Amino acid sequence: MAAIDPDEAGDLQAVFGPAEQRRRAGDPNRAKTLALNYIGVIAWLREAKRALGVYGRAMVLFQRSNEPDME
């Protein structure tokens, strides 16, 4: 999950994220709540083998606004 908001100059900046979430079911609901406070929020799911540095293709669960490409 990640969120963006404009800085003082109006440029979009990451507020936090990407942050790993342990529960898939909670991601879209948390993202919808965060979207009330930030101009852009995205929650996604993808398979990962972190020890090997291998990450699968992202499946977006919730997105609001224009978030930078995750690839």
PDB file of N, CA and C in Angstrom:
ATOM      1  N   MET A   1       0.842  -1.159   0.000  1.00  0.00           N
ATOM      2  CA  MET A   1       0.000   0.000   0.000  1.00  0.00           C
ATOM      3  C   MET A   1       0.896   1.234   0.000  1.00  0.00           C
ATOM      4  N   ALA A   2       0.439   2.261  -0.682  1.00  0.00           N
ATOM      5  CA  ALA A   2       1.190   3.507  -0.749  1.00  0.00           C
ATOM      6  C   ALA A   2       0.208   4.671  -0.870  1.00  0.00           C
ATOM      7  N   ALA A   3       0.647   5.852  -0.440  1.00  0.00           N
ATOM      8  CA  ALA A   3      -0.183   7.057  -0.544  1.00  0.00           C
ATOM      9  C   ALA A   3       0.668   8.218  -1.041  1.00  0.00           C
ATOM     10  N   ILE A   4       0.031   9.124  -1.786  1.00  0.00           N
ATOM     11  CA  ILE A   4       0.699  10.326  -2.267  1.00  0.00           C
ATOM     12  C   ILE A   4      -0.151  11.547  -1.930  1.00  0.00           C
ATOM     13  N   ASP A   5       0.505  12.679  -1.836  1.00  0.00           N
ATOM     14  CA  ASP A   5      -0.151  13.950  -1.571  1.00  0.00           C
ATOM     15  C   ASP A   5       0.739  15.047  -2.159  1.00  0.00           C
ATOM     16  N   PRO A   6       0.182  16.191  -2.497  1.00  0.00           N
ATOM     17  CA  PRO A   6       1.019  17.261  -3.032  1.00  0.00           C
ATOM     18  C   PRO A   6       1.876  17.902  -1.941  1.00  0.00           C
ATOM     19  N   ASP A   7       3.104  18.322  -2.334  1.00  0.00           N
ATOM     20  CA  ASP A   7       3.940  19.063  -1.400  1.00  0.00           C
ATOM     21  C   ASP A   7       3.570  20.547  -1.488  1.00  0.00           C
ATOM     22  N   GLU A   8       4.335  21.400  -0.841  1.00  0.00           N
ATOM     23  CA  GLU A   8       4.013  22.833  -0.813  1.00  0.00           C
ATOM     24  C   GLU A   8       4.027  23.464  -2.199  1.00  0.00           C
ATOM     25  N   ALA A   9       4.799  22.890  -3.133  1.00  0.00           N
ATOM     26  CA  ALA A   9       4.863  23.402  -4.502  1.00  0.00           C
ATOM     27  C   ALA A   9       3.776  22.796  -5.391  1.00  0.00           C
ATOM     28  N   GLY A  10       3.011  21.847  -4.839  1.00  0.00           N
ATOM     29  CA  GLY A  10       1.951  21.202  -5.606  1.00  0.00           C
ATOM     30  C   GLY A  10       2.375  19.946  -6.334  1.00  0.00           C
ATOM     31  N   ASP A  11       3.640  19.546  -6.177  1.00  0.00           N
ATOM     32  CA  ASP A  11       4.131  18.323  -6.809  1.00  0.00           C
ATOM     33  C   ASP A  11       3.749  17.115  -5.961  1.00  0.00           C
ATOM     34  N   LEU A  12       3.324  16.030  -6.621  1.00  0.00           N
ATOM     35  CA  LEU A  12       2.948  14.828  -5.893  1.00  0.00           C
ATOM     36  C   LEU A  12       4.183  14.154  -5.311  1.00  0.00           C
ATOM     37  N   GLN A  13       4.080  13.801  -4.039  1.00  0.00           N
ATOM     38  CA  GLN A  13       5.174  13.148  -3.310  1.00  0.00           C
ATOM     39  C   GLN A  13       4.611  11.956  -2.534  1.00  0.00           C
ATOM     40  N   ALA A  14       5.422  10.930  -2.377  1.00  0.00           N
ATOM     41  CA  ALA A  14       5.014   9.786  -1.564  1.00  0.00           C
ATOM     42  C   ALA A  14       4.911  10.220  -0.108  1.00  0.00           C
ATOM     43  N   VAL A  15       3.788   9.910   0.510  1.00  0.00           N
ATOM     44  CA  VAL A  15       3.591  10.183   1.936  1.00  0.00           C
ATOM     45  C   VAL A  15       4.109   8.985   2.724  1.00  0.00           C
ATOM     46  N   PHE A  16       3.792   7.805   2.248  1.00  0.00           N
ATOM     47  CA  PHE A  16       4.342   6.571   2.805  1.00  0.00           C
ATOM     48  C   PHE A  16       4.206   5.467   1.766  1.00  0.00           C
ATOM     49  N   GLY A  17       4.967   4.421   1.984  1.00  0.00           N
ATOM     50  CA  GLY A  17       4.847   3.250   1.149  1.00  0.00           C
ATOM     51  C   GLY A  17       5.979   3.136   0.149  1.00  0.00           C
ATOM     52  N   PRO A  18       6.041   2.060  -0.534  1.00  0.00           N
ATOM     53  CA  PRO A  18       5.104   0.963  -0.359  1.00  0.00           C
ATOM     54  C   PRO A  18       5.306   0.266   0.977  1.00  0.00           C
ATOM     55  N   ALA A  19       4.215  -0.100   1.586  1.00  0.00           N
ATOM     56  CA  ALA A  19       4.240  -0.765   2.887  1.00  0.00           C
ATOM     57  C   ALA A  19       3.579  -2.134   2.757  1.00  0.00           C
ATOM     58  N   GLU A  20       4.220  -3.130   3.299  1.00  0.00           N
ATOM     59  CA  GLU A  20       3.681  -4.481   3.253  1.00  0.00           C
ATOM     60  C   GLU A  20       2.535  -4.629   4.249  1.00  0.00           C
ATOM     61  N   GLN A  21       1.485  -5.260   3.800  1.00  0.00           N
ATOM     62  CA  GLN A  21       0.336  -5.535   4.656  1.00  0.00           C
ATOM     63  C   GLN A  21       0.226  -7.055   4.803  1.00  0.00           C
ATOM     64  N   ARG A  22      -0.062  -7.505   5.971  1.00  0.00           N
ATOM     65  CA  ARG A  22      -0.112  -8.949   6.231  1.00  0.00           C
ATOM     66  C   ARG A  22      -1.438  -9.586   5.818  1.00  0.00           C
ATOM     67  N   ARG A  23      -2.514  -8.801   5.805  1.00  0.00           N
ATOM     68  CA  ARG A  23      -3.833  -9.357   5.504  1.00  0.00           C
ATOM     69  C   ARG A  23      -4.374  -8.763   4.211  1.00  0.00           C
ATOM     70  N   ARG A  24      -4.635  -9.595   3.232  1.00  0.00           N
ATOM     71  CA  ARG A  24      -5.171  -9.111   1.961  1.00  0.00           C
ATOM     72  C   ARG A  24      -6.549  -8.504   2.139  1.00  0.00           C
ATOM     73  N   ALA A  25      -7.399  -9.121   2.937  1.00  0.00           N
ATOM     74  CA  ALA A  25      -8.778  -8.660   3.074  1.00  0.00           C
ATOM     75  C   ALA A  25      -8.865  -7.240   3.608  1.00  0.00           C
ATOM     76  N   GLY A  26      -7.913  -6.827   4.428  1.00  0.00           N
ATOM     77  CA  GLY A  26      -7.963  -5.494   5.014  1.00  0.00           C
ATOM     78  C   GLY A  26      -7.420  -4.397   4.124  1.00  0.00           C
ATOM     79  N   ASP A  27      -6.638  -4.741   3.112  1.00  0.00           N
ATOM     80  CA  ASP A  27      -5.996  -3.731   2.285  1.00  0.00           C
ATOM     81  C   ASP A  27      -6.963  -2.786   1.584  1.00  0.00           C
ATOM     82  N   PRO A  28      -7.968  -3.284   0.861  1.00  0.00           N
ATOM     83  CA  PRO A  28      -8.880  -2.353   0.181  1.00  0.00           C
ATOM     84  C   PRO A  28      -9.643  -1.465   1.165  1.00  0.00           C
ATOM     85  N   ASN A  29     -10.056  -2.007   2.278  1.00  0.00           N
ATOM     86  CA  ASN A  29     -10.800  -1.206   3.258  1.00  0.00           C
ATOM     87  C   ASN A  29      -9.915  -0.133   3.877  1.00  0.00           C
ATOM     88  N   ARG A  30      -8.694  -0.479   4.217  1.00  0.00           N
ATOM     89  CA  ARG A  30      -7.763   0.512   4.775  1.00  0.00           C
ATOM     90  C   ARG A  30      -7.433   1.567   3.734  1.00  0.00           C
ATOM     91  N   ALA A  31      -7.237   1.147   2.487  1.00  0.00           N
ATOM     92  CA  ALA A  31      -6.932   2.088   1.407  1.00  0.00           C
ATOM     93  C   ALA A  31      -8.083   3.071   1.196  1.00  0.00           C
ATOM     94  N   LYS A  32      -9.309   2.593   1.249  1.00  0.00           N
ATOM     95  CA  LYS A  32     -10.470   3.474   1.086  1.00  0.00           C
ATOM     96  C   LYS A  32     -10.527   4.501   2.212  1.00  0.00           C
ATOM     97  N   THR A  33     -10.189   4.089   3.410  1.00  0.00           N
ATOM     98  CA  THR A  33     -10.160   5.017   4.542  1.00  0.00           C
ATOM     99  C   THR A  33      -9.050   6.050   4.353  1.00  0.00           C
ATOM    100  N   LEU A  34      -7.865   5.604   3.939  1.00  0.00           N
ATOM    101  CA  LEU A  34      -6.752   6.528   3.707  1.00  0.00           C
ATOM    102  C   LEU A  34      -7.054   7.506   2.575  1.00  0.00           C
ATOM    103  N   ALA A  35      -7.843   7.071   1.596  1.00  0.00           N
ATOM    104  CA  ALA A  35      -8.174   7.925   0.451  1.00  0.00           C
ATOM    105  C   ALA A  35      -8.984   9.153   0.865  1.00  0.00           C
ATOM    106  N   LEU A  36      -9.552   9.137   2.051  1.00  0.00           N
ATOM    107  CA  LEU A  36     -10.261  10.310   2.563  1.00  0.00           C
ATOM    108  C   LEU A  36      -9.292  11.422   2.946  1.00  0.00           C
ATOM    109  N   ASN A  37      -8.015  11.061   3.205  1.00  0.00           N
ATOM    110  CA  ASN A  37      -7.023  12.021   3.678  1.00  0.00           C
ATOM    111  C   ASN A  37      -5.901  12.341   2.696  1.00  0.00           C
ATOM    112  N   TYR A  38      -5.732  11.499   1.668  1.00  0.00           N
ATOM    113  CA  TYR A  38      -4.645  11.689   0.721  1.00  0.00           C
ATOM    114  C   TYR A  38      -5.191  11.764  -0.702  1.00  0.00           C
ATOM    115  N   ILE A  39      -4.499  12.493  -1.573  1.00  0.00           N
ATOM    116  CA  ILE A  39      -4.962  12.649  -2.944  1.00  0.00           C
ATOM    117  C   ILE A  39      -4.838  11.356  -3.746  1.00  0.00           C
ATOM    118  N   GLY A  40      -3.911  10.504  -3.385  1.00  0.00           N
ATOM    119  CA  GLY A  40      -3.737   9.239  -4.087  1.00  0.00           C
ATOM    120  C   GLY A  40      -3.387   8.114  -3.146  1.00  0.00           C
ATOM    121  N   VAL A  41      -4.067   6.984  -3.326  1.00  0.00           N
ATOM    122  CA  VAL A  41      -3.805   5.791  -2.516  1.00  0.00           C
ATOM    123  C   VAL A  41      -3.934   4.582  -3.427  1.00  0.00           C
ATOM    124  N   ILE A  42      -3.064   3.612  -3.224  1.00  0.00           N
ATOM    125  CA  ILE A  42      -3.154   2.368  -3.988  1.00  0.00           C
ATOM    126  C   ILE A  42      -2.827   1.194  -3.070  1.00  0.00           C
ATOM    127  N   ALA A  43      -3.609   0.137  -3.217  1.00  0.00           N
ATOM    128  CA  ALA A  43      -3.343  -1.121  -2.512  1.00  0.00           C
ATOM    129  C   ALA A  43      -3.259  -2.205  -3.580  1.00  0.00           C
ATOM    130  N   TRP A  44      -2.249  -3.053  -3.484  1.00  0.00           N
ATOM    131  CA  TRP A  44      -2.079  -4.102  -4.477  1.00  0.00           C
ATOM    132  C   TRP A  44      -1.636  -5.384  -3.814  1.00  0.00           C
ATOM    133  N   LEU A  45      -1.733  -6.445  -4.588  1.00  0.00           N
ATOM    134  CA  LEU A  45      -1.346  -7.778  -4.142  1.00  0.00           C
ATOM    135  C   LEU A  45      -0.423  -8.361  -5.204  1.00  0.00           C
ATOM    136  N   ARG A  46       0.615  -9.024  -4.759  1.00  0.00           N
ATOM    137  CA  ARG A  46       1.456  -9.770  -5.689  1.00  0.00           C
ATOM    138  C   ARG A  46       2.240 -10.817  -4.926  1.00  0.00           C
ATOM    139  N   GLU A  47       2.520 -11.904  -5.623  1.00  0.00           N
ATOM    140  CA  GLU A  47       3.328 -12.965  -5.037  1.00  0.00           C
ATOM    141  C   GLU A  47       4.769 -12.493  -4.965  1.00  0.00           C
ATOM    142  N   ALA A  48       5.453 -12.898  -3.910  1.00  0.00           N
ATOM    143  CA  ALA A  48       6.839 -12.474  -3.754  1.00  0.00           C
ATOM    144  C   ALA A  48       7.664 -13.585  -3.118  1.00  0.00           C
ATOM    145  N   LYS A  49       8.850 -13.727  -3.646  1.00  0.00           N
ATOM    146  CA  LYS A  49       9.877 -14.589  -3.041  1.00  0.00           C
ATOM    147  C   LYS A  49      10.999 -13.633  -2.679  1.00  0.00           C
ATOM    148  N   ARG A  50      10.817 -12.944  -1.560  1.00  0.00           N
ATOM    149  CA  ARG A  50      11.734 -11.872  -1.182  1.00  0.00           C
ATOM    150  C   ARG A  50      13.175 -12.331  -1.030  1.00  0.00           C
ATOM    151  N   ALA A  51      13.364 -13.528  -0.510  1.00  0.00           N
ATOM    152  CA  ALA A  51      14.725 -14.031  -0.325  1.00  0.00           C
ATOM    153  C   ALA A  51      15.469 -14.146  -1.656  1.00  0.00           C
ATOM    154  N   LEU A  52      14.710 -14.374  -2.727  1.00  0.00           N
ATOM    155  CA  LEU A  52      15.310 -14.505  -4.054  1.00  0.00           C
ATOM    156  C   LEU A  52      15.236 -13.205  -4.858  1.00  0.00           C
ATOM    157  N   GLY A  53      14.504 -12.214  -4.316  1.00  0.00           N
ATOM    158  CA  GLY A  53      14.325 -10.960  -5.033  1.00  0.00           C
ATOM    159  C   GLY A  53      13.395 -11.087  -6.225  1.00  0.00           C
ATOM    160  N   VAL A  54      12.473 -12.054  -6.157  1.00  0.00           N
ATOM    161  CA  VAL A  54      11.540 -12.304  -7.263  1.00  0.00           C
ATOM    162  C   VAL A  54      10.147 -11.831  -6.851  1.00  0.00           C
ATOM    163  N   TYR A  55       9.562 -10.966  -7.690  1.00  0.00           N
ATOM    164  CA  TYR A  55       8.239 -10.412  -7.407  1.00  0.00           C
ATOM    165  C   TYR A  55       7.345 -10.604  -8.621  1.00  0.00           C
ATOM    166  N   GLY A  56       6.133 -11.076  -8.379  1.00  0.00           N
ATOM    167  CA  GLY A  56       5.176 -11.287  -9.459  1.00  0.00           C
ATOM    168  C   GLY A  56       4.518  -9.990  -9.897  1.00  0.00           C
ATOM    169  N   ARG A  57       3.668 -10.092 -10.876  1.00  0.00           N
ATOM    170  CA  ARG A  57       2.943  -8.946 -11.408  1.00  0.00           C
ATOM    171  C   ARG A  57       1.918  -8.470 -10.374  1.00  0.00           C
ATOM    172  N   ALA A  58       1.780  -7.164 -10.245  1.00  0.00           N
ATOM    173  CA  ALA A  58       0.862  -6.587  -9.258  1.00  0.00           C
ATOM    174  C   ALA A  58      -0.586  -6.667  -9.729  1.00  0.00           C
ATOM    175  N   MET A  59      -1.485  -7.003  -8.800  1.00  0.00           N
ATOM    176  CA  MET A  59      -2.918  -6.966  -9.041  1.00  0.00           C
ATOM    177  C   MET A  59      -3.471  -5.858  -8.140  1.00  0.00           C
ATOM    178  N   VAL A  60      -3.976  -4.805  -8.737  1.00  0.00           N
ATOM    179  CA  VAL A  60      -4.477  -3.663  -7.969  1.00  0.00           C
ATOM    180  C   VAL A  60      -5.808  -4.029  -7.310  1.00  0.00           C
ATOM    181  N   LEU A  61      -5.891  -3.813  -5.994  1.00  0.00           N
ATOM    182  CA  LEU A  61      -7.104  -4.075  -5.233  1.00  0.00           C
ATOM    183  C   LEU A  61      -7.937  -2.805  -5.063  1.00  0.00           C
ATOM    184  N   PHE A  62      -7.261  -1.666  -4.965  1.00  0.00           N
ATOM    185  CA  PHE A  62      -7.930  -0.368  -4.834  1.00  0.00           C
ATOM    186  C   PHE A  62      -6.971   0.704  -5.317  1.00  0.00           C
ATOM    187  N   GLN A  63      -7.497   1.675  -6.062  1.00  0.00           N
ATOM    188  CA  GLN A  63      -6.664   2.787  -6.513  1.00  0.00           C
ATOM    189  C   GLN A  63      -7.515   4.037  -6.630  1.00  0.00           C
ATOM    190  N   ARG A  64      -6.978   5.128  -6.123  1.00  0.00           N
ATOM    191  CA  ARG A  64      -7.598   6.444  -6.262  1.00  0.00           C
ATOM    192  C   ARG A  64      -6.522   7.413  -6.707  1.00  0.00           C
ATOM    193  N   SER A  65      -6.759   8.152  -7.768  1.00  0.00           N
ATOM    194  CA  SER A  65      -5.869   9.159  -8.311  1.00  0.00           C
ATOM    195  C   SER A  65      -4.814   8.526  -9.203  1.00  0.00           C
ATOM    196  N   ASN A  66      -3.816   9.309  -9.556  1.00  0.00           N
ATOM    197  CA  ASN A  66      -2.750   8.849 -10.452  1.00  0.00           C
ATOM    198  C   ASN A  66      -1.513   8.498  -9.639  1.00  0.00           C
ATOM    199  N   GLU A  67      -1.336   7.255  -9.399  1.00  0.00           N
ATOM    200  CA  GLU A  67      -0.182   6.740  -8.656  1.00  0.00           C
ATOM    201  C   GLU A  67       0.895   6.348  -9.654  1.00  0.00           C
ATOM    202  N   PRO A  68       2.174   6.567  -9.346  1.00  0.00           N
ATOM    203  CA  PRO A  68       3.235   6.145 -10.261  1.00  0.00           C
ATOM    204  C   PRO A  68       3.181   4.639 -10.531  1.00  0.00           C
ATOM    205  N   ASP A  69       3.674   4.250 -11.691  1.00  0.00           N
ATOM    206  CA  ASP A  69       3.709   2.847 -12.104  1.00  0.00           C
ATOM    207  C   ASP A  69       4.481   2.007 -11.087  1.00  0.00           C
ATOM    208  N   MET A  70       3.953   0.855 -10.741  1.00  0.00           N
ATOM    209  CA  MET A  70       4.582  -0.005  -9.728  1.00  0.00           C
ATOM    210  C   MET A  70       5.616  -0.944 -10.319  1.00  0.00           C
ATOM    211  N   GLU A  71       5.701  -1.048 -11.626  1.00  0.00           N
ATOM    212  CA  GLU A  71       6.666  -1.966 -12.233  1.00  0.00           C
ATOM    213  C   GLU A  71       7.990  -1.346 -12.161  1.00  0.00           C
TER     214      GLU A  71
END
